[in-house]
Amino acid sequence: MVDVGVKFYSTKQFDQTNKIRNMEYKVVPFVAAIDQKKGTSDHVAQQLESLINEYASHGWNYVRLEGVSTFVGPDNGCFGFGGKSGYTTTRQMVVFSK
């Protein structure tokens, strides 16, 4: 199990008996690897299913797949040469809870 870039969050929720129950959340980046010539949506689904099952085997419950957009700032380059303008990118994150 790879935990690179994993974030933990805790919240409090009430269970059926109105007792406070702490909830933990884990957010894991998901980037599917696909062959451009042979890859299909099924290959992406299998990779996501494998990731969900891996974390489920450690007690985590799948919550959702979330797209997170962020702005990547411009790069001025060296002495102004080779500079790149900023851009917005979206990353897919898998959310789990315990």
PDB file of N, CA and C in Angstrom:
ATOM      1  N   MET A   1       0.846  -1.168   0.000  1.00  0.00           N
ATOM      2  CA  MET A   1       0.000   0.000   0.000  1.00  0.00           C
ATOM      3  C   MET A   1       0.891   1.231   0.000  1.00  0.00           C
ATOM      4  N   VAL A   2       0.675   2.143  -0.917  1.00  0.00           N
ATOM      5  CA  VAL A   2       1.474   3.351  -1.034  1.00  0.00           C
ATOM      6  C   VAL A   2       0.726   4.491  -0.356  1.00  0.00           C
ATOM      7  N   ASP A   3       1.390   5.196   0.549  1.00  0.00           N
ATOM      8  CA  ASP A   3       0.761   6.292   1.264  1.00  0.00           C
ATOM      9  C   ASP A   3       1.358   7.638   0.891  1.00  0.00           C
ATOM     10  N   VAL A   4       1.898   7.756  -0.304  1.00  0.00           N
ATOM     11  CA  VAL A   4       2.478   9.016  -0.741  1.00  0.00           C
ATOM     12  C   VAL A   4       1.347  10.009  -0.986  1.00  0.00           C
ATOM     13  N   GLY A   5       1.429  11.174  -0.392  1.00  0.00           N
ATOM     14  CA  GLY A   5       0.427  12.201  -0.601  1.00  0.00           C
ATOM     15  C   GLY A   5      -0.882  11.947   0.128  1.00  0.00           C
ATOM     16  N   VAL A   6      -0.893  11.055   1.083  1.00  0.00           N
ATOM     17  CA  VAL A   6      -2.121  10.726   1.793  1.00  0.00           C
ATOM     18  C   VAL A   6      -2.368  11.734   2.901  1.00  0.00           C
ATOM     19  N   LYS A   7      -3.592  12.184   3.026  1.00  0.00           N
ATOM     20  CA  LYS A   7      -3.971  13.128   4.062  1.00  0.00           C
ATOM     21  C   LYS A   7      -4.995  12.486   4.984  1.00  0.00           C
ATOM     22  N   PHE A   8      -4.941  12.800   6.260  1.00  0.00           N
ATOM     23  CA  PHE A   8      -5.893  12.306   7.240  1.00  0.00           C
ATOM     24  C   PHE A   8      -6.714  13.475   7.762  1.00  0.00           C
ATOM     25  N   TYR A   9      -7.979  13.256   7.955  1.00  0.00           N
ATOM     26  CA  TYR A   9      -8.857  14.256   8.520  1.00  0.00           C
ATOM     27  C   TYR A   9      -9.729  13.573   9.571  1.00  0.00           C
ATOM     28  N   SER A  10     -10.100  14.274  10.608  1.00  0.00           N
ATOM     29  CA  SER A  10     -10.987  13.723  11.621  1.00  0.00           C
ATOM     30  C   SER A  10     -12.175  14.652  11.812  1.00  0.00           C
ATOM     31  N   THR A  11     -13.345  14.072  12.002  1.00  0.00           N
ATOM     32  CA  THR A  11     -14.544  14.824  12.341  1.00  0.00           C
ATOM     33  C   THR A  11     -15.281  14.043  13.406  1.00  0.00           C
ATOM     34  N   LYS A  12     -16.259  14.672  14.018  1.00  0.00           N
ATOM     35  CA  LYS A  12     -17.072  13.982  15.012  1.00  0.00           C
ATOM     36  C   LYS A  12     -18.477  13.832  14.454  1.00  0.00           C
ATOM     37  N   GLN A  13     -19.024  12.650  14.596  1.00  0.00           N
ATOM     38  CA  GLN A  13     -20.394  12.375  14.192  1.00  0.00           C
ATOM     39  C   GLN A  13     -21.077  11.649  15.335  1.00  0.00           C
ATOM     40  N   PHE A  14     -22.399  11.676  15.321  1.00  0.00           N
ATOM     41  CA  PHE A  14     -23.161  10.987  16.352  1.00  0.00           C
ATOM     42  C   PHE A  14     -23.644   9.659  15.807  1.00  0.00           C
ATOM     43  N   ASP A  15     -23.528   8.595  16.624  1.00  0.00           N
ATOM     44  CA  ASP A  15     -24.046   7.302  16.208  1.00  0.00           C
ATOM     45  C   ASP A  15     -25.523   7.208  16.597  1.00  0.00           C
ATOM     46  N   GLN A  16     -26.112   6.028  16.476  1.00  0.00           N
ATOM     47  CA  GLN A  16     -27.545   5.850  16.717  1.00  0.00           C
ATOM     48  C   GLN A  16     -27.934   6.101  18.172  1.00  0.00           C
ATOM     49  N   THR A  17     -27.001   5.993  19.083  1.00  0.00           N
ATOM     50  CA  THR A  17     -27.313   6.227  20.498  1.00  0.00           C
ATOM     51  C   THR A  17     -26.914   7.633  20.929  1.00  0.00           C
ATOM     52  N   ASN A  18     -26.668   8.511  19.969  1.00  0.00           N
ATOM     53  CA  ASN A  18     -26.266   9.901  20.205  1.00  0.00           C
ATOM     54  C   ASN A  18     -24.929  10.031  20.925  1.00  0.00           C
ATOM     55  N   LYS A  19     -24.100   9.013  20.836  1.00  0.00           N
ATOM     56  CA  LYS A  19     -22.745   9.111  21.350  1.00  0.00           C
ATOM     57  C   LYS A  19     -21.864   9.666  20.233  1.00  0.00           C
ATOM     58  N   ILE A  20     -20.902  10.486  20.633  1.00  0.00           N
ATOM     59  CA  ILE A  20     -19.998  11.063  19.636  1.00  0.00           C
ATOM     60  C   ILE A  20     -19.071   9.978  19.120  1.00  0.00           C
ATOM     61  N   ARG A  21     -18.949   9.916  17.814  1.00  0.00           N
ATOM     62  CA  ARG A  21     -18.070   8.948  17.171  1.00  0.00           C
ATOM     63  C   ARG A  21     -17.089   9.720  16.298  1.00  0.00           C
ATOM     64  N   ASN A  22     -15.812   9.529  16.511  1.00  0.00           N
ATOM     65  CA  ASN A  22     -14.799  10.193  15.688  1.00  0.00           C
ATOM     66  C   ASN A  22     -14.695   9.496  14.342  1.00  0.00           C
ATOM     67  N   MET A  23     -14.667  10.281  13.292  1.00  0.00           N
ATOM     68  CA  MET A  23     -14.505   9.754  11.943  1.00  0.00           C
ATOM     69  C   MET A  23     -13.134  10.185  11.430  1.00  0.00           C
ATOM     70  N   GLU A  24     -12.451   9.260  10.787  1.00  0.00           N
ATOM     71  CA  GLU A  24     -11.182   9.568  10.135  1.00  0.00           C
ATOM     72  C   GLU A  24     -11.398   9.495   8.640  1.00  0.00           C
ATOM     73  N   TYR A  25     -10.736  10.360   7.915  1.00  0.00           N
ATOM     74  CA  TYR A  25     -10.791  10.344   6.461  1.00  0.00           C
ATOM     75  C   TYR A  25      -9.380  10.243   5.916  1.00  0.00           C
ATOM     76  N   LYS A  26      -9.257   9.523   4.836  1.00  0.00           N
ATOM     77  CA  LYS A  26      -7.973   9.392   4.145  1.00  0.00           C
ATOM     78  C   LYS A  26      -8.226   9.768   2.688  1.00  0.00           C
ATOM     79  N   VAL A  27      -7.352  10.596   2.134  1.00  0.00           N
ATOM     80  CA  VAL A  27      -7.471  11.036   0.745  1.00  0.00           C
ATOM     81  C   VAL A  27      -6.225  10.562   0.003  1.00  0.00           C
ATOM     82  N   VAL A  28      -6.452   9.778  -1.050  1.00  0.00           N
ATOM     83  CA  VAL A  28      -5.364   9.144  -1.787  1.00  0.00           C
ATOM     84  C   VAL A  28      -5.442   9.565  -3.257  1.00  0.00           C
ATOM     85  N   PRO A  29      -4.337  10.018  -3.849  1.00  0.00           N
ATOM     86  CA  PRO A  29      -4.370  10.366  -5.269  1.00  0.00           C
ATOM     87  C   PRO A  29      -4.582   9.124  -6.131  1.00  0.00           C
ATOM     88  N   PHE A  30      -5.368   9.288  -7.189  1.00  0.00           N
ATOM     89  CA  PHE A  30      -5.604   8.185  -8.124  1.00  0.00           C
ATOM     90  C   PHE A  30      -5.244   8.643  -9.527  1.00  0.00           C
ATOM     91  N   VAL A  31      -4.250   7.985 -10.098  1.00  0.00           N
ATOM     92  CA  VAL A  31      -3.853   8.228 -11.483  1.00  0.00           C
ATOM     93  C   VAL A  31      -3.810   6.868 -12.167  1.00  0.00           C
ATOM     94  N   ALA A  32      -4.708   6.659 -13.098  1.00  0.00           N
ATOM     95  CA  ALA A  32      -4.764   5.378 -13.795  1.00  0.00           C
ATOM     96  C   ALA A  32      -3.664   5.324 -14.855  1.00  0.00           C
ATOM     97  N   ALA A  33      -3.017   4.177 -14.965  1.00  0.00           N
ATOM     98  CA  ALA A  33      -2.025   3.941 -16.009  1.00  0.00           C
ATOM     99  C   ALA A  33      -2.729   3.153 -17.108  1.00  0.00           C
ATOM    100  N   ILE A  34      -2.695   3.664 -18.322  1.00  0.00           N
ATOM    101  CA  ILE A  34      -3.424   3.016 -19.401  1.00  0.00           C
ATOM    102  C   ILE A  34      -2.580   3.023 -20.676  1.00  0.00           C
ATOM    103  N   ASP A  35      -2.612   1.923 -21.387  1.00  0.00           N
ATOM    104  CA  ASP A  35      -1.934   1.808 -22.673  1.00  0.00           C
ATOM    105  C   ASP A  35      -2.794   2.513 -23.717  1.00  0.00           C
ATOM    106  N   GLN A  36      -2.231   3.462 -24.440  1.00  0.00           N
ATOM    107  CA  GLN A  36      -3.001   4.248 -25.405  1.00  0.00           C
ATOM    108  C   GLN A  36      -3.610   3.399 -26.517  1.00  0.00           C
ATOM    109  N   LYS A  37      -2.956   2.300 -26.869  1.00  0.00           N
ATOM    110  CA  LYS A  37      -3.442   1.471 -27.972  1.00  0.00           C
ATOM    111  C   LYS A  37      -4.398   0.378 -27.510  1.00  0.00           C
ATOM    112  N   LYS A  38      -4.155  -0.189 -26.329  1.00  0.00           N
ATOM    113  CA  LYS A  38      -4.936  -1.335 -25.872  1.00  0.00           C
ATOM    114  C   LYS A  38      -5.846  -1.005 -24.692  1.00  0.00           C
ATOM    115  N   GLY A  39      -5.626   0.120 -24.045  1.00  0.00           N
ATOM    116  CA  GLY A  39      -6.355   0.444 -22.826  1.00  0.00           C
ATOM    117  C   GLY A  39      -7.816   0.776 -23.069  1.00  0.00           C
ATOM    118  N   THR A  40      -8.636   0.406 -22.111  1.00  0.00           N
ATOM    119  CA  THR A  40     -10.066   0.700 -22.177  1.00  0.00           C
ATOM    120  C   THR A  40     -10.518   1.244 -20.827  1.00  0.00           C
ATOM    121  N   SER A  41     -11.766   1.658 -20.780  1.00  0.00           N
ATOM    122  CA  SER A  41     -12.340   2.107 -19.512  1.00  0.00           C
ATOM    123  C   SER A  41     -12.330   0.986 -18.485  1.00  0.00           C
ATOM    124  N   ASP A  42     -12.427  -0.251 -18.957  1.00  0.00           N
ATOM    125  CA  ASP A  42     -12.379  -1.395 -18.041  1.00  0.00           C
ATOM    126  C   ASP A  42     -11.052  -1.454 -17.300  1.00  0.00           C
ATOM    127  N   HIS A  43      -9.949  -1.112 -17.975  1.00  0.00           N
ATOM    128  CA  HIS A  43      -8.640  -1.119 -17.330  1.00  0.00           C
ATOM    129  C   HIS A  43      -8.584  -0.070 -16.212  1.00  0.00           C
ATOM    130  N   VAL A  44      -9.166   1.093 -16.462  1.00  0.00           N
ATOM    131  CA  VAL A  44      -9.198   2.143 -15.445  1.00  0.00           C
ATOM    132  C   VAL A  44     -10.055   1.685 -14.269  1.00  0.00           C
ATOM    133  N   ALA A  45     -11.207   1.103 -14.562  1.00  0.00           N
ATOM    134  CA  ALA A  45     -12.104   0.611 -13.507  1.00  0.00           C
ATOM    135  C   ALA A  45     -11.425  -0.461 -12.661  1.00  0.00           C
ATOM    136  N   GLN A  46     -10.665  -1.340 -13.292  1.00  0.00           N
ATOM    137  CA  GLN A  46      -9.963  -2.391 -12.553  1.00  0.00           C
ATOM    138  C   GLN A  46      -8.926  -1.801 -11.605  1.00  0.00           C
ATOM    139  N   GLN A  47      -8.224  -0.764 -12.050  1.00  0.00           N
ATOM    140  CA  GLN A  47      -7.219  -0.128 -11.200  1.00  0.00           C
ATOM    141  C   GLN A  47      -7.873   0.571 -10.003  1.00  0.00           C
ATOM    142  N   LEU A  48      -8.997   1.241 -10.248  1.00  0.00           N
ATOM    143  CA  LEU A  48      -9.709   1.902  -9.162  1.00  0.00           C
ATOM    144  C   LEU A  48     -10.265   0.870  -8.186  1.00  0.00           C
ATOM    145  N   GLU A  49     -10.830  -0.204  -8.716  1.00  0.00           N
ATOM    146  CA  GLU A  49     -11.357  -1.281  -7.874  1.00  0.00           C
ATOM    147  C   GLU A  49     -10.253  -1.890  -7.016  1.00  0.00           C
ATOM    148  N   SER A  50      -9.093  -2.088  -7.591  1.00  0.00           N
ATOM    149  CA  SER A  50      -7.958  -2.645  -6.857  1.00  0.00           C
ATOM    150  C   SER A  50      -7.539  -1.722  -5.713  1.00  0.00           C
ATOM    151  N   LEU A  51      -7.496  -0.417  -5.980  1.00  0.00           N
ATOM    152  CA  LEU A  51      -7.136   0.554  -4.949  1.00  0.00           C
ATOM    153  C   LEU A  51      -8.164   0.543  -3.820  1.00  0.00           C
ATOM    154  N   ILE A  52      -9.450   0.536  -4.168  1.00  0.00           N
ATOM    155  CA  ILE A  52     -10.513   0.512  -3.161  1.00  0.00           C
ATOM    156  C   ILE A  52     -10.421  -0.755  -2.323  1.00  0.00           C
ATOM    157  N   ASN A  53     -10.230  -1.902  -2.977  1.00  0.00           N
ATOM    158  CA  ASN A  53     -10.124  -3.168  -2.242  1.00  0.00           C
ATOM    159  C   ASN A  53      -8.901  -3.209  -1.335  1.00  0.00           C
ATOM    160  N   GLU A  54      -7.793  -2.617  -1.769  1.00  0.00           N
ATOM    161  CA  GLU A  54      -6.577  -2.574  -0.950  1.00  0.00           C
ATOM    162  C   GLU A  54      -6.833  -1.828   0.360  1.00  0.00           C
ATOM    163  N   TYR A  55      -7.446  -0.651   0.271  1.00  0.00           N
ATOM    164  CA  TYR A  55      -7.714   0.123   1.476  1.00  0.00           C
ATOM    165  C   TYR A  55      -8.833  -0.500   2.307  1.00  0.00           C
ATOM    166  N   ALA A  56      -9.808  -1.129   1.659  1.00  0.00           N
ATOM    167  CA  ALA A  56     -10.887  -1.813   2.381  1.00  0.00           C
ATOM    168  C   ALA A  56     -10.329  -2.950   3.229  1.00  0.00           C
ATOM    169  N   SER A  57      -9.291  -3.622   2.744  1.00  0.00           N
ATOM    170  CA  SER A  57      -8.687  -4.713   3.505  1.00  0.00           C
ATOM    171  C   SER A  57      -7.999  -4.213   4.775  1.00  0.00           C
ATOM    172  N   HIS A  58      -7.787  -2.889   4.859  1.00  0.00           N
ATOM    173  CA  HIS A  58      -7.189  -2.279   6.047  1.00  0.00           C
ATOM    174  C   HIS A  58      -8.232  -1.514   6.862  1.00  0.00           C
ATOM    175  N   GLY A  59      -9.516  -1.781   6.577  1.00  0.00           N
ATOM    176  CA  GLY A  59     -10.588  -1.198   7.380  1.00  0.00           C
ATOM    177  C   GLY A  59     -11.140   0.128   6.904  1.00  0.00           C
ATOM    178  N   TRP A  60     -10.698   0.606   5.759  1.00  0.00           N
ATOM    179  CA  TRP A  60     -11.182   1.880   5.236  1.00  0.00           C
ATOM    180  C   TRP A  60     -12.401   1.648   4.346  1.00  0.00           C
ATOM    181  N   ASN A  61     -13.372   2.546   4.432  1.00  0.00           N
ATOM    182  CA  ASN A  61     -14.577   2.490   3.600  1.00  0.00           C
ATOM    183  C   ASN A  61     -14.483   3.535   2.498  1.00  0.00           C
ATOM    184  N   TYR A  62     -14.779   3.108   1.290  1.00  0.00           N
ATOM    185  CA  TYR A  62     -14.775   4.031   0.154  1.00  0.00           C
ATOM    186  C   TYR A  62     -15.905   5.041   0.320  1.00  0.00           C
ATOM    187  N   VAL A  63     -15.596   6.329   0.116  1.00  0.00           N
ATOM    188  CA  VAL A  63     -16.609   7.385   0.189  1.00  0.00           C
ATOM    189  C   VAL A  63     -16.933   7.886  -1.212  1.00  0.00           C
ATOM    190  N   ARG A  64     -15.915   8.348  -1.947  1.00  0.00           N
ATOM    191  CA  ARG A  64     -16.151   8.869  -3.303  1.00  0.00           C
ATOM    192  C   ARG A  64     -14.826   9.166  -4.013  1.00  0.00           C
ATOM    193  N   LEU A  65     -14.958   9.385  -5.310  1.00  0.00           N
ATOM    194  CA  LEU A  65     -13.849   9.856  -6.138  1.00  0.00           C
ATOM    195  C   LEU A  65     -14.084  11.341  -6.355  1.00  0.00           C
ATOM    196  N   GLU A  66     -13.116  12.147  -6.004  1.00  0.00           N
ATOM    197  CA  GLU A  66     -13.284  13.598  -6.032  1.00  0.00           C
ATOM    198  C   GLU A  66     -12.243  14.228  -6.948  1.00  0.00           C
ATOM    199  N   GLY A  67     -12.669  15.126  -7.800  1.00  0.00           N
ATOM    200  CA  GLY A  67     -11.749  15.888  -8.640  1.00  0.00           C
ATOM    201  C   GLY A  67     -11.351  17.160  -7.916  1.00  0.00           C
ATOM    202  N   VAL A  68     -10.056  17.415  -7.804  1.00  0.00           N
ATOM    203  CA  VAL A  68      -9.558  18.600  -7.123  1.00  0.00           C
ATOM    204  C   VAL A  68      -8.760  19.428  -8.125  1.00  0.00           C
ATOM    205  N   SER A  69      -9.223  20.655  -8.363  1.00  0.00           N
ATOM    206  CA  SER A  69      -8.532  21.550  -9.294  1.00  0.00           C
ATOM    207  C   SER A  69      -7.593  22.462  -8.520  1.00  0.00           C
ATOM    208  N   THR A  70      -6.443  22.719  -9.112  1.00  0.00           N
ATOM    209  CA  THR A  70      -5.474  23.610  -8.482  1.00  0.00           C
ATOM    210  C   THR A  70      -4.740  24.396  -9.565  1.00  0.00           C
ATOM    211  N   PHE A  71      -4.252  25.556  -9.202  1.00  0.00           N
ATOM    212  CA  PHE A  71      -3.500  26.391 -10.123  1.00  0.00           C
ATOM    213  C   PHE A  71      -2.016  26.176  -9.906  1.00  0.00           C
ATOM    214  N   VAL A  72      -1.308  25.880 -10.981  1.00  0.00           N
ATOM    215  CA  VAL A  72       0.149  25.731 -10.945  1.00  0.00           C
ATOM    216  C   VAL A  72       0.724  27.057 -11.432  1.00  0.00           C
ATOM    217  N   GLY A  73       1.476  27.696 -10.571  1.00  0.00           N
ATOM    218  CA  GLY A  73       2.013  29.019 -10.881  1.00  0.00           C
ATOM    219  C   GLY A  73       2.990  29.015 -12.043  1.00  0.00           C
ATOM    220  N   PRO A  74       3.183  30.165 -12.642  1.00  0.00           N
ATOM    221  CA  PRO A  74       4.107  30.268 -13.777  1.00  0.00           C
ATOM    222  C   PRO A  74       5.552  30.024 -13.364  1.00  0.00           C
ATOM    223  N   ASP A  75       6.343  29.596 -14.338  1.00  0.00           N
ATOM    224  CA  ASP A  75       7.770  29.379 -14.142  1.00  0.00           C
ATOM    225  C   ASP A  75       8.486  30.382 -15.036  1.00  0.00           C
ATOM    226  N   ASN A  76       9.264  31.268 -14.438  1.00  0.00           N
ATOM    227  CA  ASN A  76       9.920  32.326 -15.206  1.00  0.00           C
ATOM    228  C   ASN A  76      11.113  31.836 -16.012  1.00  0.00           C
ATOM    229  N   GLY A  77      11.550  30.628 -15.771  1.00  0.00           N
ATOM    230  CA  GLY A  77      12.713  30.117 -16.488  1.00  0.00           C
ATOM    231  C   GLY A  77      13.993  30.743 -15.978  1.00  0.00           C
ATOM    232  N   CYS A  78      15.081  30.424 -16.655  1.00  0.00           N
ATOM    233  CA  CYS A  78      16.388  30.943 -16.283  1.00  0.00           C
ATOM    234  C   CYS A  78      16.657  32.208 -17.094  1.00  0.00           C
ATOM    235  N   PHE A  79      16.773  33.320 -16.415  1.00  0.00           N
ATOM    236  CA  PHE A  79      16.998  34.611 -17.055  1.00  0.00           C
ATOM    237  C   PHE A  79      15.892  34.946 -18.056  1.00  0.00           C
ATOM    238  N   GLY A  80      14.685  34.438 -17.810  1.00  0.00           N
ATOM    239  CA  GLY A  80      13.546  34.737 -18.679  1.00  0.00           C
ATOM    240  C   GLY A  80      13.406  33.818 -19.875  1.00  0.00           C
ATOM    241  N   PHE A  81      14.362  32.906 -20.080  1.00  0.00           N
ATOM    242  CA  PHE A  81      14.288  31.977 -21.208  1.00  0.00           C
ATOM    243  C   PHE A  81      13.615  30.683 -20.764  1.00  0.00           C
ATOM    244  N   GLY A  82      12.774  30.149 -21.595  1.00  0.00           N
ATOM    245  CA  GLY A  82      12.120  28.879 -21.295  1.00  0.00           C
ATOM    246  C   GLY A  82      11.020  28.986 -20.263  1.00  0.00           C
ATOM    247  N   GLY A  83      10.522  30.200 -20.037  1.00  0.00           N
ATOM    248  CA  GLY A  83       9.456  30.396 -19.071  1.00  0.00           C
ATOM    249  C   GLY A  83       8.161  29.731 -19.523  1.00  0.00           C
ATOM    250  N   LYS A  84       7.346  29.356 -18.552  1.00  0.00           N
ATOM    251  CA  LYS A  84       6.054  28.725 -18.833  1.00  0.00           C
ATOM    252  C   LYS A  84       4.975  29.478 -18.069  1.00  0.00           C
ATOM    253  N   SER A  85       3.859  29.680 -18.719  1.00  0.00           N
ATOM    254  CA  SER A  85       2.763  30.356 -18.035  1.00  0.00           C
ATOM    255  C   SER A  85       2.070  29.387 -17.079  1.00  0.00           C
ATOM    256  N   GLY A  86       1.343  29.946 -16.121  1.00  0.00           N
ATOM    257  CA  GLY A  86       0.618  29.130 -15.166  1.00  0.00           C
ATOM    258  C   GLY A  86      -0.568  28.449 -15.820  1.00  0.00           C
ATOM    259  N   TYR A  87      -1.073  27.425 -15.168  1.00  0.00           N
ATOM    260  CA  TYR A  87      -2.222  26.694 -15.705  1.00  0.00           C
ATOM    261  C   TYR A  87      -2.975  26.007 -14.569  1.00  0.00           C
ATOM    262  N   THR A  88      -4.199  25.641 -14.859  1.00  0.00           N
ATOM    263  CA  THR A  88      -5.029  24.911 -13.898  1.00  0.00           C
ATOM    264  C   THR A  88      -5.012  23.439 -14.255  1.00  0.00           C
ATOM    265  N   THR A  89      -4.884  22.595 -13.249  1.00  0.00           N
ATOM    266  CA  THR A  89      -4.874  21.155 -13.465  1.00  0.00           C
ATOM    267  C   THR A  89      -5.850  20.500 -12.481  1.00  0.00           C
ATOM    268  N   THR A  90      -6.356  19.350 -12.851  1.00  0.00           N
ATOM    269  CA  THR A  90      -7.281  18.611 -11.992  1.00  0.00           C
ATOM    270  C   THR A  90      -6.678  17.255 -11.663  1.00  0.00           C
ATOM    271  N   ARG A  91      -6.736  16.894 -10.405  1.00  0.00           N
ATOM    272  CA  ARG A  91      -6.255  15.605  -9.932  1.00  0.00           C
ATOM    273  C   ARG A  91      -7.440  14.833  -9.349  1.00  0.00           C
ATOM    274  N   GLN A  92      -7.448  13.523  -9.530  1.00  0.00           N
ATOM    275  CA  GLN A  92      -8.491  12.686  -8.962  1.00  0.00           C
ATOM    276  C   GLN A  92      -8.018  12.157  -7.619  1.00  0.00           C
ATOM    277  N   MET A  93      -8.856  12.288  -6.604  1.00  0.00           N
ATOM    278  CA  MET A  93      -8.559  11.840  -5.257  1.00  0.00           C
ATOM    279  C   MET A  93      -9.635  10.854  -4.807  1.00  0.00           C
ATOM    280  N   VAL A  94      -9.211   9.752  -4.213  1.00  0.00           N
ATOM    281  CA  VAL A  94     -10.144   8.763  -3.673  1.00  0.00           C
ATOM    282  C   VAL A  94     -10.266   9.044  -2.187  1.00  0.00           C
ATOM    283  N   VAL A  95     -11.503   9.190  -1.706  1.00  0.00           N
ATOM    284  CA  VAL A  95     -11.762   9.513  -0.311  1.00  0.00           C
ATOM    285  C   VAL A  95     -12.258   8.252   0.402  1.00  0.00           C
ATOM    286  N   PHE A  96     -11.627   7.947   1.543  1.00  0.00           N
ATOM    287  CA  PHE A  96     -12.000   6.823   2.384  1.00  0.00           C
ATOM    288  C   PHE A  96     -12.333   7.331   3.777  1.00  0.00           C
ATOM    289  N   SER A  97     -13.119   6.577   4.514  1.00  0.00           N
ATOM    290  CA  SER A  97     -13.419   6.931   5.912  1.00  0.00           C
ATOM    291  C   SER A  97     -13.326   5.693   6.788  1.00  0.00           C
ATOM    292  N   LYS A  98     -13.190   5.942   8.085  1.00  0.00           N
ATOM    293  CA  LYS A  98     -13.141   4.875   9.099  1.00  0.00           C
ATOM    294  C   LYS A  98     -13.981   5.295  10.266  1.00  0.00           C
TER     295      LYS A  98
END
